[in-house]
């Protein structure tokens, strides 16, 4: 939810989410984040988004969601997937970020990722 690469302030997030209630359902959070509800439940289970169980439903405070969005918005200027060496046989790895590991091979004098 960042605007043109700039971080939004708490006030800007509050304004953007003003049509939502203070206690959000998992479906509302999914709508805001543009993900499926299963992803929201996973974030709750992992403790990334704190929730309170009311009856059989989870409720997420709007202020908690805003804090979550602001923390995610900080981001790192470094790419998550990098190549440790730029030569044939080098291994590209992303570590914990996406779990991908690729190898570079030389094809016809030019290097391609495998």
N, C-alpha and C. Protein backbone atom coordinates (compact mmCIF):
# COMPACT_ATOMS: atom_id res chain seq x y z
N UNK A 1 0.80 -1.19 0.00
CA UNK A 1 0.00 0.00 0.00
C UNK A 1 0.85 1.26 0.00
N UNK A 2 2.07 1.20 -0.48
CA UNK A 2 2.87 2.41 -0.52
C UNK A 2 2.51 3.20 -1.77
N UNK A 3 2.67 4.49 -1.67
CA UNK A 3 2.29 5.36 -2.77
C UNK A 3 3.54 5.85 -3.46
N UNK A 4 3.76 5.41 -4.69
CA UNK A 4 4.90 5.86 -5.47
C UNK A 4 6.24 5.63 -4.82
N UNK A 5 6.39 4.53 -4.06
CA UNK A 5 7.66 4.22 -3.42
C UNK A 5 7.86 4.93 -2.09
N UNK A 6 6.96 5.85 -1.72
CA UNK A 6 7.06 6.55 -0.45
C UNK A 6 6.27 5.80 0.60
N UNK A 7 6.81 5.80 1.83
CA UNK A 7 6.11 5.15 2.93
C UNK A 7 4.91 5.99 3.35
N UNK A 8 3.79 5.33 3.59
CA UNK A 8 2.61 6.03 4.07
C UNK A 8 2.71 6.21 5.58
N UNK A 9 2.17 7.31 6.07
CA UNK A 9 2.15 7.56 7.50
C UNK A 9 0.95 6.83 8.11
N UNK A 10 0.94 6.73 9.44
CA UNK A 10 -0.20 6.12 10.12
C UNK A 10 -1.48 6.85 9.76
N UNK A 11 -1.40 8.18 9.69
CA UNK A 11 -2.57 9.00 9.38
C UNK A 11 -3.09 8.67 7.96
N UNK A 12 -2.19 8.50 7.01
CA UNK A 12 -2.58 8.16 5.64
C UNK A 12 -3.23 6.77 5.58
N UNK A 13 -2.66 5.81 6.33
CA UNK A 13 -3.27 4.48 6.38
C UNK A 13 -4.65 4.56 7.00
N UNK A 14 -4.79 5.32 8.11
CA UNK A 14 -6.09 5.47 8.77
C UNK A 14 -7.12 6.02 7.80
N UNK A 15 -6.72 7.02 7.02
CA UNK A 15 -7.64 7.62 6.05
C UNK A 15 -8.02 6.61 4.97
N UNK A 16 -7.04 5.87 4.47
CA UNK A 16 -7.30 4.88 3.43
C UNK A 16 -8.22 3.76 3.92
N UNK A 17 -8.15 3.45 5.22
CA UNK A 17 -8.95 2.36 5.79
C UNK A 17 -10.16 2.87 6.59
N UNK A 18 -10.51 4.14 6.40
CA UNK A 18 -11.58 4.75 7.21
C UNK A 18 -12.95 4.08 7.03
N UNK A 19 -13.18 3.44 5.91
CA UNK A 19 -14.48 2.79 5.68
C UNK A 19 -14.60 1.45 6.41
N UNK A 20 -13.50 0.97 6.99
CA UNK A 20 -13.50 -0.32 7.69
C UNK A 20 -13.70 -0.09 9.19
N UNK A 21 -14.29 -1.08 9.89
CA UNK A 21 -14.46 -0.97 11.34
C UNK A 21 -13.11 -1.11 12.06
N UNK A 22 -13.08 -0.76 13.36
CA UNK A 22 -11.85 -0.85 14.15
C UNK A 22 -11.40 -2.29 14.36
N UNK A 23 -12.35 -3.22 14.44
CA UNK A 23 -12.03 -4.65 14.60
C UNK A 23 -12.36 -5.34 13.28
N UNK A 24 -11.33 -5.77 12.57
CA UNK A 24 -11.49 -6.35 11.24
C UNK A 24 -11.60 -7.87 11.28
N UNK A 25 -12.38 -8.41 10.36
CA UNK A 25 -12.45 -9.87 10.21
C UNK A 25 -11.29 -10.31 9.31
N UNK A 26 -11.04 -11.59 9.27
CA UNK A 26 -9.99 -12.13 8.39
C UNK A 26 -10.32 -11.82 6.93
N UNK A 27 -11.60 -11.85 6.58
CA UNK A 27 -12.01 -11.54 5.20
C UNK A 27 -11.72 -10.09 4.85
N UNK A 28 -11.97 -9.18 5.79
CA UNK A 28 -11.68 -7.77 5.54
C UNK A 28 -10.19 -7.52 5.41
N UNK A 29 -9.40 -8.17 6.25
CA UNK A 29 -7.94 -8.04 6.17
C UNK A 29 -7.46 -8.60 4.83
N UNK A 30 -8.01 -9.72 4.40
CA UNK A 30 -7.64 -10.31 3.11
C UNK A 30 -7.95 -9.34 1.98
N UNK A 31 -9.09 -8.69 2.06
CA UNK A 31 -9.48 -7.70 1.05
C UNK A 31 -8.49 -6.53 1.02
N UNK A 32 -8.12 -6.04 2.18
CA UNK A 32 -7.18 -4.92 2.27
C UNK A 32 -5.82 -5.30 1.73
N UNK A 33 -5.32 -6.48 2.10
CA UNK A 33 -4.00 -6.94 1.67
C UNK A 33 -4.00 -7.52 0.26
N UNK A 34 -5.21 -7.75 -0.27
CA UNK A 34 -5.38 -8.36 -1.59
C UNK A 34 -4.75 -9.75 -1.66
N UNK A 35 -5.06 -10.54 -0.62
CA UNK A 35 -4.63 -11.93 -0.55
C UNK A 35 -5.86 -12.77 -0.20
N UNK A 36 -5.72 -14.08 -0.22
CA UNK A 36 -6.84 -14.93 0.17
C UNK A 36 -6.91 -15.03 1.70
N UNK A 37 -8.07 -15.41 2.21
CA UNK A 37 -8.24 -15.50 3.67
C UNK A 37 -7.30 -16.55 4.26
N UNK A 38 -6.98 -17.58 3.49
CA UNK A 38 -6.05 -18.62 3.96
C UNK A 38 -4.70 -17.99 4.31
N UNK A 39 -4.25 -17.04 3.53
CA UNK A 39 -2.99 -16.35 3.79
C UNK A 39 -3.08 -15.55 5.08
N UNK A 40 -4.22 -14.90 5.31
CA UNK A 40 -4.42 -14.13 6.54
C UNK A 40 -4.36 -15.06 7.75
N UNK A 41 -5.04 -16.21 7.66
CA UNK A 41 -5.00 -17.18 8.77
C UNK A 41 -3.57 -17.67 9.02
N UNK A 42 -2.80 -17.83 7.95
CA UNK A 42 -1.40 -18.25 8.09
C UNK A 42 -0.60 -17.17 8.80
N UNK A 43 -0.80 -15.90 8.44
CA UNK A 43 -0.10 -14.80 9.09
C UNK A 43 -0.47 -14.71 10.57
N UNK A 44 -1.73 -15.00 10.89
CA UNK A 44 -2.17 -15.02 12.28
C UNK A 44 -1.49 -16.15 13.03
N UNK A 45 -1.47 -17.34 12.42
CA UNK A 45 -0.86 -18.51 13.05
C UNK A 45 0.63 -18.31 13.30
N UNK A 46 1.31 -17.64 12.35
CA UNK A 46 2.74 -17.37 12.48
C UNK A 46 3.03 -16.23 13.45
N UNK A 47 1.99 -15.55 13.89
CA UNK A 47 2.16 -14.45 14.84
C UNK A 47 2.56 -13.14 14.19
N UNK A 48 2.54 -13.08 12.86
CA UNK A 48 2.90 -11.84 12.17
C UNK A 48 1.81 -10.79 12.32
N UNK A 49 0.56 -11.24 12.37
CA UNK A 49 -0.57 -10.34 12.61
C UNK A 49 -1.30 -10.86 13.84
N UNK A 50 -1.20 -10.17 14.96
CA UNK A 50 -1.91 -10.60 16.17
C UNK A 50 -3.42 -10.47 15.99
N UNK A 51 -4.14 -11.46 16.49
CA UNK A 51 -5.60 -11.46 16.39
C UNK A 51 -6.20 -11.92 17.71
N UNK A 52 -7.45 -11.55 17.91
CA UNK A 52 -8.21 -11.96 19.09
C UNK A 52 -9.36 -12.82 18.61
N UNK A 53 -9.53 -13.96 19.26
CA UNK A 53 -10.62 -14.87 18.89
C UNK A 53 -11.90 -14.42 19.60
N UNK A 54 -12.93 -14.11 18.84
CA UNK A 54 -14.24 -13.74 19.38
C UNK A 54 -15.23 -14.76 18.82
N UNK A 55 -15.71 -15.63 19.70
CA UNK A 55 -16.54 -16.73 19.22
C UNK A 55 -15.69 -17.64 18.38
N UNK A 56 -16.12 -17.86 17.14
CA UNK A 56 -15.36 -18.72 16.23
C UNK A 56 -14.55 -17.91 15.23
N UNK A 57 -14.59 -16.60 15.35
CA UNK A 57 -13.90 -15.75 14.37
C UNK A 57 -12.74 -14.99 14.98
N UNK A 58 -11.73 -14.73 14.16
CA UNK A 58 -10.60 -13.90 14.57
C UNK A 58 -10.92 -12.45 14.23
N UNK A 59 -10.50 -11.56 15.10
CA UNK A 59 -10.63 -10.13 14.85
C UNK A 59 -9.24 -9.52 14.95
N UNK A 60 -8.95 -8.63 14.00
CA UNK A 60 -7.67 -7.96 13.95
C UNK A 60 -7.93 -6.47 14.11
N UNK A 61 -7.23 -5.85 15.04
CA UNK A 61 -7.38 -4.42 15.27
C UNK A 61 -6.84 -3.67 14.05
N UNK A 62 -7.56 -2.63 13.66
CA UNK A 62 -7.11 -1.81 12.53
C UNK A 62 -5.73 -1.22 12.81
N UNK A 63 -5.49 -0.79 14.05
CA UNK A 63 -4.18 -0.21 14.38
C UNK A 63 -3.07 -1.26 14.28
N UNK A 64 -3.37 -2.51 14.62
CA UNK A 64 -2.39 -3.60 14.49
C UNK A 64 -2.07 -3.83 13.01
N UNK A 65 -3.11 -3.81 12.17
CA UNK A 65 -2.90 -4.00 10.73
C UNK A 65 -2.07 -2.86 10.16
N UNK A 66 -2.34 -1.64 10.60
CA UNK A 66 -1.58 -0.48 10.13
C UNK A 66 -0.11 -0.63 10.52
N UNK A 67 0.15 -1.06 11.74
CA UNK A 67 1.54 -1.29 12.18
C UNK A 67 2.21 -2.36 11.32
N UNK A 68 1.47 -3.44 11.04
CA UNK A 68 1.98 -4.52 10.20
C UNK A 68 2.34 -3.97 8.81
N UNK A 69 1.45 -3.19 8.22
CA UNK A 69 1.69 -2.63 6.88
C UNK A 69 2.88 -1.68 6.89
N UNK A 70 2.99 -0.86 7.91
CA UNK A 70 4.11 0.08 7.99
C UNK A 70 5.44 -0.66 8.13
N UNK A 71 5.46 -1.73 8.92
CA UNK A 71 6.69 -2.52 9.07
C UNK A 71 7.06 -3.21 7.77
N UNK A 72 6.07 -3.72 7.05
CA UNK A 72 6.34 -4.38 5.77
C UNK A 72 6.75 -3.37 4.71
N UNK A 73 6.25 -2.15 4.85
CA UNK A 73 6.52 -1.09 3.89
C UNK A 73 7.96 -0.60 3.97
N UNK A 74 8.62 -0.81 5.13
CA UNK A 74 10.00 -0.35 5.29
C UNK A 74 10.89 -1.01 4.25
N UNK A 75 10.73 -2.33 4.13
CA UNK A 75 11.45 -3.09 3.12
C UNK A 75 12.96 -2.88 3.13
N UNK A 76 13.63 -3.71 2.44
CA UNK A 76 15.07 -3.63 2.32
C UNK A 76 15.42 -3.21 0.90
N UNK A 77 16.39 -2.32 0.73
CA UNK A 77 16.78 -1.92 -0.62
C UNK A 77 17.51 -3.03 -1.36
N UNK A 78 17.96 -4.04 -0.62
CA UNK A 78 18.70 -5.15 -1.24
C UNK A 78 17.73 -6.17 -1.82
N UNK A 79 18.08 -6.77 -2.95
CA UNK A 79 17.23 -7.81 -3.52
C UNK A 79 17.23 -9.05 -2.63
N UNK A 80 16.14 -9.80 -2.65
CA UNK A 80 16.04 -11.00 -1.83
C UNK A 80 16.77 -12.17 -2.48
N UNK A 81 16.83 -12.21 -3.79
CA UNK A 81 17.50 -13.30 -4.49
C UNK A 81 18.72 -12.73 -5.22
N UNK A 82 19.87 -13.23 -4.90
CA UNK A 82 21.10 -12.73 -5.51
C UNK A 82 21.99 -13.88 -5.94
N UNK A 83 22.90 -13.59 -6.83
CA UNK A 83 23.90 -14.58 -7.24
C UNK A 83 25.18 -14.26 -6.52
N UNK A 84 25.75 -15.29 -5.88
CA UNK A 84 26.96 -15.07 -5.11
C UNK A 84 28.19 -14.89 -5.99
N UNK A 85 28.15 -15.39 -7.21
CA UNK A 85 29.30 -15.31 -8.11
C UNK A 85 28.76 -15.29 -9.53
N UNK A 86 29.33 -14.47 -10.39
CA UNK A 86 28.81 -14.33 -11.74
C UNK A 86 29.65 -15.12 -12.74
N UNK A 87 29.69 -16.43 -12.57
CA UNK A 87 30.43 -17.28 -13.50
C UNK A 87 29.71 -18.61 -13.66
N UNK A 88 30.06 -19.35 -14.70
CA UNK A 88 29.43 -20.65 -14.94
C UNK A 88 29.60 -21.53 -13.71
N UNK A 89 28.57 -22.20 -13.34
CA UNK A 89 28.61 -23.09 -12.19
C UNK A 89 28.28 -22.38 -10.88
N UNK A 90 28.05 -21.07 -10.93
CA UNK A 90 27.72 -20.31 -9.71
C UNK A 90 26.32 -20.73 -9.23
N UNK A 91 26.11 -20.59 -7.96
CA UNK A 91 24.82 -20.95 -7.38
C UNK A 91 24.09 -19.70 -6.96
N UNK A 92 22.87 -19.55 -7.42
CA UNK A 92 22.01 -18.45 -7.02
C UNK A 92 21.15 -18.96 -5.89
N UNK A 93 21.05 -18.20 -4.84
CA UNK A 93 20.22 -18.65 -3.74
C UNK A 93 19.51 -17.47 -3.10
N UNK A 94 18.35 -17.75 -2.54
CA UNK A 94 17.59 -16.70 -1.89
C UNK A 94 17.51 -16.94 -0.39
N UNK A 95 18.15 -17.98 0.08
CA UNK A 95 18.10 -18.27 1.51
C UNK A 95 16.69 -18.50 1.99
N UNK A 96 16.32 -17.81 3.05
CA UNK A 96 15.00 -18.01 3.65
C UNK A 96 13.90 -17.23 2.94
N UNK A 97 14.24 -16.26 2.08
CA UNK A 97 13.22 -15.40 1.50
C UNK A 97 12.23 -16.13 0.60
N UNK A 98 12.70 -16.93 -0.35
CA UNK A 98 11.75 -17.64 -1.20
C UNK A 98 12.09 -19.11 -1.36
N UNK A 99 13.24 -19.53 -0.85
CA UNK A 99 13.59 -20.93 -0.89
C UNK A 99 14.10 -21.43 -2.23
N UNK A 100 14.31 -20.53 -3.19
CA UNK A 100 14.76 -20.95 -4.52
C UNK A 100 16.27 -21.07 -4.57
N UNK A 101 16.74 -22.08 -5.28
CA UNK A 101 18.16 -22.24 -5.52
C UNK A 101 18.32 -22.58 -6.99
N UNK A 102 19.12 -21.78 -7.71
CA UNK A 102 19.31 -22.00 -9.15
C UNK A 102 20.80 -22.08 -9.42
N UNK A 103 21.17 -22.81 -10.46
CA UNK A 103 22.56 -22.90 -10.87
C UNK A 103 22.74 -22.23 -12.19
N UNK A 104 23.90 -21.64 -12.43
CA UNK A 104 24.19 -21.01 -13.70
C UNK A 104 25.03 -21.97 -14.52
N UNK A 105 24.68 -22.14 -15.78
CA UNK A 105 25.44 -23.00 -16.67
C UNK A 105 25.85 -22.22 -17.91
N UNK A 106 26.93 -22.60 -18.52
CA UNK A 106 27.39 -21.92 -19.72
C UNK A 106 26.82 -22.65 -20.92
N UNK A 107 26.15 -21.86 -21.80
CA UNK A 107 25.55 -22.42 -23.00
C UNK A 107 26.06 -21.62 -24.19
N UNK A 108 26.84 -22.27 -25.06
CA UNK A 108 27.35 -21.61 -26.26
C UNK A 108 28.17 -20.36 -25.96
N UNK A 109 28.97 -20.42 -24.90
CA UNK A 109 29.82 -19.29 -24.56
C UNK A 109 29.11 -18.22 -23.73
N UNK A 110 27.77 -18.37 -23.57
CA UNK A 110 27.03 -17.40 -22.77
C UNK A 110 26.45 -18.09 -21.57
N UNK A 111 26.37 -17.36 -20.47
CA UNK A 111 25.86 -17.92 -19.22
C UNK A 111 24.36 -17.78 -19.15
N UNK A 112 23.68 -18.82 -18.73
CA UNK A 112 22.24 -18.79 -18.53
C UNK A 112 21.94 -19.44 -17.18
N UNK A 113 20.84 -19.02 -16.57
CA UNK A 113 20.49 -19.69 -15.30
C UNK A 113 19.72 -20.94 -15.59
N UNK A 114 19.99 -21.98 -14.81
CA UNK A 114 19.35 -23.27 -15.03
C UNK A 114 18.17 -23.45 -14.12
